[in-house]
PDB file of all heavy atoms in Angstrom:
ATOM      1  N   THR A   1       9.164  11.861  -7.939  1.00  0.00           N
ATOM      2  CA  THR A   1       9.422  11.520  -9.334  1.00  0.00           C
ATOM      3  C   THR A   1       8.488  10.408  -9.776  1.00  0.00           C
ATOM      4  O   THR A   1       7.899   9.717  -8.951  1.00  0.00           O
ATOM      5  CB  THR A   1      10.900  11.111  -9.538  1.00  0.00           C
ATOM      6  OG1 THR A   1      11.169  11.012 -10.935  1.00  0.00           O
ATOM      7  CG2 THR A   1      11.219   9.797  -8.873  1.00  0.00           C
ATOM      8  N   THR A   2       8.361  10.247 -11.092  1.00  0.00           N
ATOM      9  CA  THR A   2       7.533   9.182 -11.656  1.00  0.00           C
ATOM     10  C   THR A   2       8.368   8.395 -12.669  1.00  0.00           C
ATOM     11  O   THR A   2       9.303   8.924 -13.266  1.00  0.00           O
ATOM     12  CB  THR A   2       6.285   9.740 -12.377  1.00  0.00           C
ATOM     13  OG1 THR A   2       6.704  10.573 -13.454  1.00  0.00           O
ATOM     14  CG2 THR A   2       5.414  10.538 -11.433  1.00  0.00           C
ATOM     15  N   VAL A   3       8.003   7.124 -12.829  1.00  0.00           N
ATOM     16  CA  VAL A   3       8.651   6.267 -13.813  1.00  0.00           C
ATOM     17  C   VAL A   3       7.545   5.609 -14.634  1.00  0.00           C
ATOM     18  O   VAL A   3       6.640   4.991 -14.067  1.00  0.00           O
ATOM     19  CB  VAL A   3       9.524   5.186 -13.142  1.00  0.00           C
ATOM     20  CG1 VAL A   3      10.169   4.286 -14.190  1.00  0.00           C
ATOM     21  CG2 VAL A   3      10.567   5.805 -12.227  1.00  0.00           C
ATOM     22  N   ASP A   4       7.596   5.751 -15.947  1.00  0.00           N
ATOM     23  CA  ASP A   4       6.626   5.130 -16.840  1.00  0.00           C
ATOM     24  C   ASP A   4       6.964   3.646 -16.950  1.00  0.00           C
ATOM     25  O   ASP A   4       8.049   3.285 -17.408  1.00  0.00           O
ATOM     26  CB  ASP A   4       6.675   5.804 -18.213  1.00  0.00           C
ATOM     27  CG  ASP A   4       5.566   5.321 -19.129  1.00  0.00           C
ATOM     28  OD1 ASP A   4       5.151   4.147 -19.020  1.00  0.00           O
ATOM     29  OD2 ASP A   4       5.110   6.114 -19.979  1.00  0.00           O
ATOM     30  N   CYS A   5       6.033   2.801 -16.549  1.00  0.00           N
ATOM     31  CA  CYS A   5       6.255   1.351 -16.578  1.00  0.00           C
ATOM     32  C   CYS A   5       5.272   0.664 -17.529  1.00  0.00           C
ATOM     33  O   CYS A   5       4.760  -0.413 -17.228  1.00  0.00           O
ATOM     34  CB  CYS A   5       6.136   0.765 -15.181  1.00  0.00           C
ATOM     35  SG  CYS A   5       7.331   1.416 -14.012  1.00  0.00           S
ATOM     36  N   GLY A   6       4.950   1.297 -18.621  1.00  0.00           N
ATOM     37  CA  GLY A   6       4.023   0.700 -19.579  1.00  0.00           C
ATOM     38  C   GLY A   6       2.587   0.931 -19.162  1.00  0.00           C
ATOM     39  O   GLY A   6       2.080   2.044 -19.245  1.00  0.00           O
ATOM     40  N   SER A   7       1.927  -0.110 -18.672  1.00  0.00           N
ATOM     41  CA  SER A   7       0.524   0.011 -18.272  1.00  0.00           C
ATOM     42  C   SER A   7       0.357   0.733 -16.933  1.00  0.00           C
ATOM     43  O   SER A   7      -0.745   1.140 -16.580  1.00  0.00           O
ATOM     44  CB  SER A   7      -0.128  -1.363 -18.185  1.00  0.00           C
ATOM     45  OG  SER A   7       0.513  -2.146 -17.189  1.00  0.00           O
ATOM     46  N   HIS A   8       1.450   0.880 -16.181  1.00  0.00           N
ATOM     47  CA  HIS A   8       1.410   1.503 -14.859  1.00  0.00           C
ATOM     48  C   HIS A   8       2.407   2.659 -14.775  1.00  0.00           C
ATOM     49  O   HIS A   8       3.343   2.739 -15.566  1.00  0.00           O
ATOM     50  CB  HIS A   8       1.757   0.472 -13.778  1.00  0.00           C
ATOM     51  CG  HIS A   8       0.705  -0.534 -13.543  1.00  0.00           C
ATOM     52  ND1 HIS A   8       0.321  -1.454 -14.496  1.00  0.00           N
ATOM     53  CD2 HIS A   8      -0.070  -0.775 -12.458  1.00  0.00           C
ATOM     54  CE1 HIS A   8      -0.638  -2.219 -14.000  1.00  0.00           C
ATOM     55  NE2 HIS A   8      -0.886  -1.830 -12.772  1.00  0.00           N
ATOM     56  N   THR A   9       2.196   3.499 -13.782  1.00  0.00           N
ATOM     57  CA  THR A   9       3.183   4.518 -13.433  1.00  0.00           C
ATOM     58  C   THR A   9       3.681   4.212 -12.026  1.00  0.00           C
ATOM     59  O   THR A   9       2.886   3.921 -11.125  1.00  0.00           O
ATOM     60  CB  THR A   9       2.573   5.932 -13.468  1.00  0.00           C
ATOM     61  OG1 THR A   9       2.151   6.215 -14.798  1.00  0.00           O
ATOM     62  CG2 THR A   9       3.580   6.981 -13.026  1.00  0.00           C
ATOM     63  N   LEU A  10       4.973   4.260 -11.851  1.00  0.00           N
ATOM     64  CA  LEU A  10       5.582   4.115 -10.541  1.00  0.00           C
ATOM     65  C   LEU A  10       5.779   5.512  -9.971  1.00  0.00           C
ATOM     66  O   LEU A  10       6.468   6.340 -10.577  1.00  0.00           O
ATOM     67  CB  LEU A  10       6.923   3.390 -10.653  1.00  0.00           C
ATOM     68  CG  LEU A  10       7.664   3.138  -9.348  1.00  0.00           C
ATOM     69  CD1 LEU A  10       6.932   2.112  -8.502  1.00  0.00           C
ATOM     70  CD2 LEU A  10       9.085   2.677  -9.632  1.00  0.00           C
ATOM     71  N   PHE A  11       5.125   5.778  -8.851  1.00  0.00           N
ATOM     72  CA  PHE A  11       5.267   7.062  -8.173  1.00  0.00           C
ATOM     73  C   PHE A  11       6.218   6.878  -6.995  1.00  0.00           C
ATOM     74  O   PHE A  11       5.984   6.018  -6.140  1.00  0.00           O
ATOM     75  CB  PHE A  11       3.914   7.557  -7.650  1.00  0.00           C
ATOM     76  CG  PHE A  11       2.921   7.910  -8.719  1.00  0.00           C
ATOM     77  CD1 PHE A  11       1.932   7.010  -9.081  1.00  0.00           C
ATOM     78  CD2 PHE A  11       2.970   9.140  -9.360  1.00  0.00           C
ATOM     79  CE1 PHE A  11       1.008   7.328 -10.060  1.00  0.00           C
ATOM     80  CE2 PHE A  11       2.049   9.472 -10.342  1.00  0.00           C
ATOM     81  CZ  PHE A  11       1.064   8.558 -10.704  1.00  0.00           C
ATOM     82  N   ILE A  12       7.264   7.678  -6.932  1.00  0.00           N
ATOM     83  CA  ILE A  12       8.172   7.679  -5.783  1.00  0.00           C
ATOM     84  C   ILE A  12       7.871   8.949  -5.010  1.00  0.00           C
ATOM     85  O   ILE A  12       7.838  10.044  -5.578  1.00  0.00           O
ATOM     86  CB  ILE A  12       9.630   7.602  -6.232  1.00  0.00           C
ATOM     87  CG1 ILE A  12       9.840   6.272  -6.975  1.00  0.00           C
ATOM     88  CG2 ILE A  12      10.577   7.750  -5.052  1.00  0.00           C
ATOM     89  CD1 ILE A  12      11.165   6.119  -7.637  1.00  0.00           C
ATOM     90  N   ALA A  13       7.598   8.794  -3.714  1.00  0.00           N
ATOM     91  CA  ALA A  13       7.085   9.920  -2.939  1.00  0.00           C
ATOM     92  C   ALA A  13       7.743  10.018  -1.574  1.00  0.00           C
ATOM     93  O   ALA A  13       8.151   9.018  -0.981  1.00  0.00           O
ATOM     94  CB  ALA A  13       5.571   9.772  -2.761  1.00  0.00           C
ATOM     95  N   GLU A  14       7.819  11.248  -1.108  1.00  0.00           N
ATOM     96  CA  GLU A  14       8.246  11.519   0.266  1.00  0.00           C
ATOM     97  C   GLU A  14       7.015  11.394   1.157  1.00  0.00           C
ATOM     98  O   GLU A  14       5.935  11.867   0.807  1.00  0.00           O
ATOM     99  CB  GLU A  14       8.821  12.920   0.364  1.00  0.00           C
ATOM    100  CG  GLU A  14       9.415  13.213   1.720  1.00  0.00           C
ATOM    101  CD  GLU A  14      10.178  14.529   1.725  1.00  0.00           C
ATOM    102  OE1 GLU A  14      10.644  14.964   0.650  1.00  0.00           O
ATOM    103  OE2 GLU A  14      10.294  15.110   2.806  1.00  0.00           O
ATOM    104  N   VAL A  15       7.173  10.748   2.296  1.00  0.00           N
ATOM    105  CA  VAL A  15       6.054  10.605   3.237  1.00  0.00           C
ATOM    106  C   VAL A  15       5.955  11.894   4.047  1.00  0.00           C
ATOM    107  O   VAL A  15       6.910  12.300   4.711  1.00  0.00           O
ATOM    108  CB  VAL A  15       6.256   9.395   4.169  1.00  0.00           C
ATOM    109  CG1 VAL A  15       5.142   9.317   5.203  1.00  0.00           C
ATOM    110  CG2 VAL A  15       6.319   8.116   3.354  1.00  0.00           C
ATOM    111  N   THR A  16       4.801  12.543   3.975  1.00  0.00           N
ATOM    112  CA  THR A  16       4.592  13.792   4.707  1.00  0.00           C
ATOM    113  C   THR A  16       3.876  13.555   6.025  1.00  0.00           C
ATOM    114  O   THR A  16       3.916  14.401   6.904  1.00  0.00           O
ATOM    115  CB  THR A  16       3.793  14.791   3.852  1.00  0.00           C
ATOM    116  OG1 THR A  16       2.559  14.194   3.457  1.00  0.00           O
ATOM    117  CG2 THR A  16       4.586  15.195   2.617  1.00  0.00           C
ATOM    118  N   GLU A  17       3.207  12.410   6.132  1.00  0.00           N
ATOM    119  CA  GLU A  17       2.541  12.051   7.387  1.00  0.00           C
ATOM    120  C   GLU A  17       2.381  10.547   7.456  1.00  0.00           C
ATOM    121  O   GLU A  17       2.105   9.896   6.447  1.00  0.00           O
ATOM    122  CB  GLU A  17       1.170  12.715   7.497  1.00  0.00           C
ATOM    123  CG  GLU A  17       0.490  12.369   8.815  1.00  0.00           C
ATOM    124  CD  GLU A  17      -0.788  13.154   9.051  1.00  0.00           C
ATOM    125  OE1 GLU A  17      -1.071  14.098   8.321  1.00  0.00           O
ATOM    126  OE2 GLU A  17      -1.498  12.784   9.991  1.00  0.00           O
ATOM    127  N   ALA A  18       2.564   9.985   8.643  1.00  0.00           N
ATOM    128  CA  ALA A  18       2.337   8.562   8.892  1.00  0.00           C
ATOM    129  C   ALA A  18       1.690   8.457  10.262  1.00  0.00           C
ATOM    130  O   ALA A  18       2.300   8.836  11.255  1.00  0.00           O
ATOM    131  CB  ALA A  18       3.649   7.791   8.841  1.00  0.00           C
ATOM    132  N   GLN A  19       0.470   7.958  10.276  1.00  0.00           N
ATOM    133  CA  GLN A  19      -0.310   7.959  11.512  1.00  0.00           C
ATOM    134  C   GLN A  19      -0.922   6.587  11.762  1.00  0.00           C
ATOM    135  O   GLN A  19      -1.518   5.994  10.860  1.00  0.00           O
ATOM    136  CB  GLN A  19      -1.410   9.007  11.363  1.00  0.00           C
ATOM    137  CG  GLN A  19      -2.349   9.129  12.510  1.00  0.00           C
ATOM    138  CD  GLN A  19      -3.402  10.195  12.215  1.00  0.00           C
ATOM    139  OE1 GLN A  19      -3.120  11.221  11.622  1.00  0.00           O
ATOM    140  NE2 GLN A  19      -4.615   9.950  12.623  1.00  0.00           N
ATOM    141  N   VAL A  20      -0.772   6.061  12.970  1.00  0.00           N
ATOM    142  CA  VAL A  20      -1.406   4.809  13.366  1.00  0.00           C
ATOM    143  C   VAL A  20      -2.825   5.124  13.834  1.00  0.00           C
ATOM    144  O   VAL A  20      -3.030   6.024  14.640  1.00  0.00           O
ATOM    145  CB  VAL A  20      -0.610   4.114  14.495  1.00  0.00           C
ATOM    146  CG1 VAL A  20      -1.353   2.894  15.014  1.00  0.00           C
ATOM    147  CG2 VAL A  20       0.775   3.732  14.003  1.00  0.00           C
ATOM    148  N   LEU A  21      -3.804   4.368  13.321  1.00  0.00           N
ATOM    149  CA  LEU A  21      -5.203   4.587  13.685  1.00  0.00           C
ATOM    150  C   LEU A  21      -5.746   3.522  14.633  1.00  0.00           C
ATOM    151  O   LEU A  21      -6.701   3.781  15.356  1.00  0.00           O
ATOM    152  CB  LEU A  21      -6.077   4.630  12.417  1.00  0.00           C
ATOM    153  CG  LEU A  21      -5.683   5.678  11.385  1.00  0.00           C
ATOM    154  CD1 LEU A  21      -6.532   5.538  10.134  1.00  0.00           C
ATOM    155  CD2 LEU A  21      -5.803   7.082  11.960  1.00  0.00           C
ATOM    156  N   SER A  22      -5.172   2.320  14.598  1.00  0.00           N
ATOM    157  CA  SER A  22      -5.631   1.257  15.495  1.00  0.00           C
ATOM    158  C   SER A  22      -4.527   0.226  15.668  1.00  0.00           C
ATOM    159  O   SER A  22      -3.542   0.221  14.930  1.00  0.00           O
ATOM    160  CB  SER A  22      -6.893   0.575  14.938  1.00  0.00           C
ATOM    161  OG  SER A  22      -6.553  -0.343  13.912  1.00  0.00           O
ATOM    162  N   ASN A  23      -4.729  -0.667  16.607  1.00  0.00           N
ATOM    163  CA  ASN A  23      -3.783  -1.753  16.843  1.00  0.00           C
ATOM    164  C   ASN A  23      -4.152  -3.009  16.070  1.00  0.00           C
ATOM    165  O   ASN A  23      -3.531  -4.056  16.249  1.00  0.00           O
ATOM    166  CB  ASN A  23      -3.698  -2.073  18.342  1.00  0.00           C
ATOM    167  CG  ASN A  23      -3.016  -0.961  19.115  1.00  0.00           C
ATOM    168  OD1 ASN A  23      -2.092  -0.332  18.604  1.00  0.00           O
ATOM    169  ND2 ASN A  23      -3.475  -0.702  20.315  1.00  0.00           N
ATOM    170  N   ASP A  24      -5.177  -2.945  15.239  1.00  0.00           N
ATOM    171  CA  ASP A  24      -5.603  -4.106  14.467  1.00  0.00           C
ATOM    172  C   ASP A  24      -4.500  -4.549  13.514  1.00  0.00           C
ATOM    173  O   ASP A  24      -3.712  -3.739  13.033  1.00  0.00           O
ATOM    174  CB  ASP A  24      -6.863  -3.775  13.654  1.00  0.00           C
ATOM    175  CG  ASP A  24      -8.050  -3.443  14.548  1.00  0.00           C
ATOM    176  OD1 ASP A  24      -8.059  -3.874  15.710  1.00  0.00           O
ATOM    177  OD2 ASP A  24      -8.959  -2.745  14.071  1.00  0.00           O
ATOM    178  N   ARG A  25      -4.490  -5.847  13.216  1.00  0.00           N
ATOM    179  CA  ARG A  25      -3.496  -6.390  12.293  1.00  0.00           C
ATOM    180  C   ARG A  25      -3.811  -5.965  10.859  1.00  0.00           C
ATOM    181  O   ARG A  25      -4.970  -5.811  10.491  1.00  0.00           O
ATOM    182  CB  ARG A  25      -3.479  -7.913  12.390  1.00  0.00           C
ATOM    183  CG  ARG A  25      -2.932  -8.378  13.714  1.00  0.00           C
ATOM    184  CD  ARG A  25      -3.165  -9.841  13.998  1.00  0.00           C
ATOM    185  NE  ARG A  25      -3.109 -10.691  12.839  1.00  0.00           N
ATOM    186  CZ  ARG A  25      -2.464 -11.842  12.788  1.00  0.00           C
ATOM    187  NH1 ARG A  25      -1.814 -12.271  13.845  1.00  0.00           N
ATOM    188  NH2 ARG A  25      -2.487 -12.589  11.714  1.00  0.00           N
ATOM    189  N   SER A  26      -2.768  -5.799  10.065  1.00  0.00           N
ATOM    190  CA  SER A  26      -2.936  -5.409   8.664  1.00  0.00           C
ATOM    191  C   SER A  26      -3.463  -6.579   7.843  1.00  0.00           C
ATOM    192  O   SER A  26      -3.148  -7.738   8.104  1.00  0.00           O
ATOM    193  CB  SER A  26      -1.603  -4.950   8.076  1.00  0.00           C
ATOM    194  OG  SER A  26      -1.150  -3.786   8.725  1.00  0.00           O
ATOM    195  N   MET A  27      -4.246  -6.239   6.822  1.00  0.00           N
ATOM    196  CA  MET A  27      -4.790  -7.230   5.894  1.00  0.00           C
ATOM    197  C   MET A  27      -3.685  -7.690   4.955  1.00  0.00           C
ATOM    198  O   MET A  27      -3.089  -6.882   4.247  1.00  0.00           O
ATOM    199  CB  MET A  27      -5.923  -6.596   5.097  1.00  0.00           C
ATOM    200  CG  MET A  27      -6.480  -7.452   3.982  1.00  0.00           C
ATOM    201  SD  MET A  27      -7.695  -8.669   4.486  1.00  0.00           S
ATOM    202  CE  MET A  27      -9.065  -7.634   4.978  1.00  0.00           C
ATOM    203  N   THR A  28      -3.409  -8.985   4.943  1.00  0.00           N
ATOM    204  CA  THR A  28      -2.483  -9.554   3.977  1.00  0.00           C
ATOM    205  C   THR A  28      -3.288 -10.175   2.845  1.00  0.00           C
ATOM    206  O   THR A  28      -4.488 -10.428   2.985  1.00  0.00           O
ATOM    207  CB  THR A  28      -1.608 -10.643   4.613  1.00  0.00           C
ATOM    208  OG1 THR A  28      -2.467 -11.710   5.049  1.00  0.00           O
ATOM    209  CG2 THR A  28      -0.803 -10.107   5.798  1.00  0.00           C
ATOM    210  N   TYR A  29      -2.628 -10.437   1.723  1.00  0.00           N
ATOM    211  CA  TYR A  29      -3.315 -11.100   0.619  1.00  0.00           C
ATOM    212  C   TYR A  29      -3.830 -12.465   1.061  1.00  0.00           C
ATOM    213  O   TYR A  29      -4.925 -12.878   0.709  1.00  0.00           O
ATOM    214  CB  TYR A  29      -2.380 -11.262  -0.581  1.00  0.00           C
ATOM    215  CG  TYR A  29      -2.867 -10.506  -1.785  1.00  0.00           C
ATOM    216  CD1 TYR A  29      -2.030  -9.648  -2.463  1.00  0.00           C
ATOM    217  CD2 TYR A  29      -4.167 -10.645  -2.244  1.00  0.00           C
ATOM    218  CE1 TYR A  29      -2.469  -8.940  -3.569  1.00  0.00           C
ATOM    219  CE2 TYR A  29      -4.614  -9.947  -3.349  1.00  0.00           C
ATOM    220  CZ  TYR A  29      -3.761  -9.094  -4.006  1.00  0.00           C
ATOM    221  OH  TYR A  29      -4.201  -8.396  -5.087  1.00  0.00           O
ATOM    222  N   GLN A  30      -3.029 -13.186   1.818  1.00  0.00           N
ATOM    223  CA  GLN A  30      -3.454 -14.517   2.272  1.00  0.00           C
ATOM    224  C   GLN A  30      -4.707 -14.426   3.125  1.00  0.00           C
ATOM    225  O   GLN A  30      -5.640 -15.209   2.956  1.00  0.00           O
ATOM    226  CB  GLN A  30      -2.323 -15.201   3.061  1.00  0.00           C
ATOM    227  CG  GLN A  30      -2.600 -16.664   3.329  1.00  0.00           C
ATOM    228  CD  GLN A  30      -2.706 -17.466   2.045  1.00  0.00           C
ATOM    229  OE1 GLN A  30      -1.823 -17.390   1.183  1.00  0.00           O
ATOM    230  NE2 GLN A  30      -3.772 -18.225   1.881  1.00  0.00           N
ATOM    231  N   TYR A  31      -4.753 -13.451   4.037  1.00  0.00           N
ATOM    232  CA  TYR A  31      -5.942 -13.289   4.875  1.00  0.00           C
ATOM    233  C   TYR A  31      -7.154 -12.928   4.012  1.00  0.00           C
ATOM    234  O   TYR A  31      -8.251 -13.432   4.222  1.00  0.00           O
ATOM    235  CB  TYR A  31      -5.706 -12.206   5.938  1.00  0.00           C
ATOM    236  CG  TYR A  31      -6.815 -12.149   6.954  1.00  0.00           C
ATOM    237  CD1 TYR A  31      -6.759 -12.917   8.116  1.00  0.00           C
ATOM    238  CD2 TYR A  31      -7.935 -11.339   6.755  1.00  0.00           C
ATOM    239  CE1 TYR A  31      -7.779 -12.885   9.044  1.00  0.00           C
ATOM    240  CE2 TYR A  31      -8.965 -11.298   7.676  1.00  0.00           C
ATOM    241  CZ  TYR A  31      -8.880 -12.075   8.814  1.00  0.00           C
ATOM    242  OH  TYR A  31      -9.908 -12.053   9.724  1.00  0.00           O
ATOM    243  N   TYR A  32      -6.938 -12.056   3.018  1.00  0.00           N
ATOM    244  CA  TYR A  32      -8.019 -11.674   2.115  1.00  0.00           C
ATOM    245  C   TYR A  32      -8.584 -12.901   1.397  1.00  0.00           C
ATOM    246  O   TYR A  32      -9.796 -13.112   1.363  1.00  0.00           O
ATOM    247  CB  TYR A  32      -7.503 -10.657   1.097  1.00  0.00           C
ATOM    248  CG  TYR A  32      -8.456 -10.390  -0.048  1.00  0.00           C
ATOM    249  CD1 TYR A  32      -9.599  -9.611   0.144  1.00  0.00           C
ATOM    250  CD2 TYR A  32      -8.224 -10.920  -1.309  1.00  0.00           C
ATOM    251  CE1 TYR A  32     -10.478  -9.369  -0.907  1.00  0.00           C
ATOM    252  CE2 TYR A  32      -9.094 -10.684  -2.358  1.00  0.00           C
ATOM    253  CZ  TYR A  32     -10.218  -9.914  -2.154  1.00  0.00           C
ATOM    254  OH  TYR A  32     -11.093  -9.689  -3.186  1.00  0.00           O
ATOM    255  N   PHE A  33      -7.708 -13.734   0.830  1.00  0.00           N
ATOM    256  CA  PHE A  33      -8.172 -14.909   0.092  1.00  0.00           C
ATOM    257  C   PHE A  33      -8.832 -15.938   1.007  1.00  0.00           C
ATOM    258  O   PHE A  33      -9.822 -16.567   0.627  1.00  0.00           O
ATOM    259  CB  PHE A  33      -7.019 -15.555  -0.676  1.00  0.00           C
ATOM    260  CG  PHE A  33      -6.658 -14.820  -1.931  1.00  0.00           C
ATOM    261  CD1 PHE A  33      -5.399 -14.286  -2.106  1.00  0.00           C
ATOM    262  CD2 PHE A  33      -7.587 -14.649  -2.949  1.00  0.00           C
ATOM    263  CE1 PHE A  33      -5.075 -13.601  -3.260  1.00  0.00           C
ATOM    264  CE2 PHE A  33      -7.274 -13.963  -4.113  1.00  0.00           C
ATOM    265  CZ  PHE A  33      -6.008 -13.440  -4.274  1.00  0.00           C
ATOM    266  N   ASP A  34      -8.310 -16.111   2.215  1.00  0.00           N
ATOM    267  CA  ASP A  34      -8.848 -17.121   3.121  1.00  0.00           C
ATOM    268  C   ASP A  34     -10.125 -16.697   3.838  1.00  0.00           C
ATOM    269  O   ASP A  34     -10.970 -17.549   4.133  1.00  0.00           O
ATOM    270  CB  ASP A  34      -7.803 -17.484   4.183  1.00  0.00           C
ATOM    271  CG  ASP A  34      -6.609 -18.221   3.601  1.00  0.00           C
ATOM    272  OD1 ASP A  34      -6.699 -18.690   2.446  1.00  0.00           O
ATOM    273  OD2 ASP A  34      -5.577 -18.306   4.300  1.00  0.00           O
ATOM    274  N   ASN A  35     -10.276 -15.396   4.130  1.00  0.00           N
ATOM    275  CA  ASN A  35     -11.357 -14.980   5.025  1.00  0.00           C
ATOM    276  C   ASN A  35     -12.319 -13.928   4.487  1.00  0.00           C
ATOM    277  O   ASN A  35     -13.400 -13.753   5.037  1.00  0.00           O
ATOM    278  CB  ASN A  35     -10.751 -14.441   6.328  1.00  0.00           C
ATOM    279  CG  ASN A  35      -9.900 -15.468   7.021  1.00  0.00           C
ATOM    280  OD1 ASN A  35     -10.405 -16.430   7.553  1.00  0.00           O
ATOM    281  ND2 ASN A  35      -8.598 -15.283   6.970  1.00  0.00           N
ATOM    282  N   VAL A  36     -11.933 -13.191   3.450  1.00  0.00           N
ATOM    283  CA  VAL A  36     -12.756 -12.067   2.998  1.00  0.00           C
ATOM    284  C   VAL A  36     -13.363 -12.321   1.623  1.00  0.00           C
ATOM    285  O   VAL A  36     -14.565 -12.133   1.421  1.00  0.00           O
ATOM    286  CB  VAL A  36     -11.936 -10.756   2.978  1.00  0.00           C
ATOM    287  CG1 VAL A  36     -12.771  -9.594   2.486  1.00  0.00           C
ATOM    288  CG2 VAL A  36     -11.369 -10.465   4.366  1.00  0.00           C
TER     289      VAL A  36
END
């Protein structure tokens, strides 16, 4: 389903696949601002 949120659309979705590709840590906003 979708929800109209003005400038954005909220998409609600069923996950059909979830796959791990590496053991690396995920990028957080804080890491992005501090290091990237």
